[in-house]
Amino acid sequence: MGLDTALAMGKRKMYNTTLDSDLIRQVKILAAQLEKRQNDLLEEAIKDLLKKYNLDSN
């Protein structure tokens, strides 16, 4: 499913913010090393944070 399709179906939303430039660099490097998308890594991190605070959405 493409991003446009997912957005149209309401499954994904744009979320813009600013981040520390060193964190961005590290995420880019990690994504390249793991051959994953940066977005996938950020979503994984957010899910882990929600679990930590017992706000898991699953």
Protein backbone atom coordinates (compact mmCIF):
# COMPACT_ATOMS: atom_id res chain seq x y z
CA MET A 1 0.00 0.00 0.00
CA GLY A 2 1.46 3.35 -0.98
CA LEU A 3 1.68 6.35 1.31
CA ASP A 4 -1.05 8.19 -0.61
CA THR A 5 -3.40 5.24 -0.22
CA ALA A 6 -2.60 4.87 3.48
CA LEU A 7 -3.14 8.59 4.08
CA ALA A 8 -6.44 8.49 2.21
CA MET A 9 -7.59 5.55 4.33
CA GLY A 10 -6.79 7.42 7.55
CA LYS A 11 -4.16 4.92 8.67
CA ARG A 12 -1.26 7.37 8.60
CA LYS A 13 -0.96 11.08 9.32
CA MET A 14 1.81 13.57 8.79
CA TYR A 15 3.54 14.63 12.01
CA ASN A 16 6.22 17.30 11.82
CA THR A 17 8.60 18.29 14.58
CA THR A 18 12.19 19.31 15.17
CA LEU A 19 14.81 16.97 16.59
CA ASP A 20 18.36 17.29 17.82
CA SER A 21 20.66 17.23 14.79
CA ASP A 22 22.90 14.54 16.33
CA LEU A 23 19.86 12.29 16.86
CA ILE A 24 18.83 12.75 13.25
CA ARG A 25 22.33 11.85 12.07
CA GLN A 26 22.39 8.74 14.26
CA VAL A 27 18.96 7.61 13.04
CA LYS A 28 20.05 8.08 9.42
CA ILE A 29 23.18 6.01 10.02
CA LEU A 30 21.27 3.27 11.85
CA ALA A 31 18.62 3.13 9.13
CA ALA A 32 21.30 2.70 6.48
CA GLN A 33 23.08 0.01 8.50
CA LEU A 34 19.84 -1.91 9.06
CA GLU A 35 18.51 -1.20 5.57
CA LYS A 36 15.30 0.14 7.09
CA ARG A 37 13.40 3.37 6.64
CA GLN A 38 14.03 6.11 9.17
CA ASN A 39 10.29 6.40 9.70
CA ASP A 40 10.06 2.73 10.68
CA LEU A 41 12.80 3.19 13.29
CA LEU A 42 11.11 6.29 14.71
CA GLU A 43 7.77 4.50 14.94
CA GLU A 44 9.48 1.59 16.71
CA ALA A 45 11.03 4.01 19.21
CA ILE A 46 7.69 5.73 19.87
CA LYS A 47 5.98 2.37 20.43
CA ASP A 48 8.72 1.41 22.92
CA LEU A 49 8.24 4.73 24.73
CA LEU A 50 4.47 4.18 24.98
CA LYS A 51 5.05 0.69 26.41
CA LYS A 52 7.46 2.15 28.97
CA TYR A 53 4.70 4.45 30.23
CA ASN A 54 1.96 1.80 29.96
CA LEU A 55 0.24 3.59 27.09
CA ASP A 56 0.70 0.79 24.56
CA SER A 57 -1.81 1.20 21.76
CA ASN A 58 -1.92 -2.56 20.99
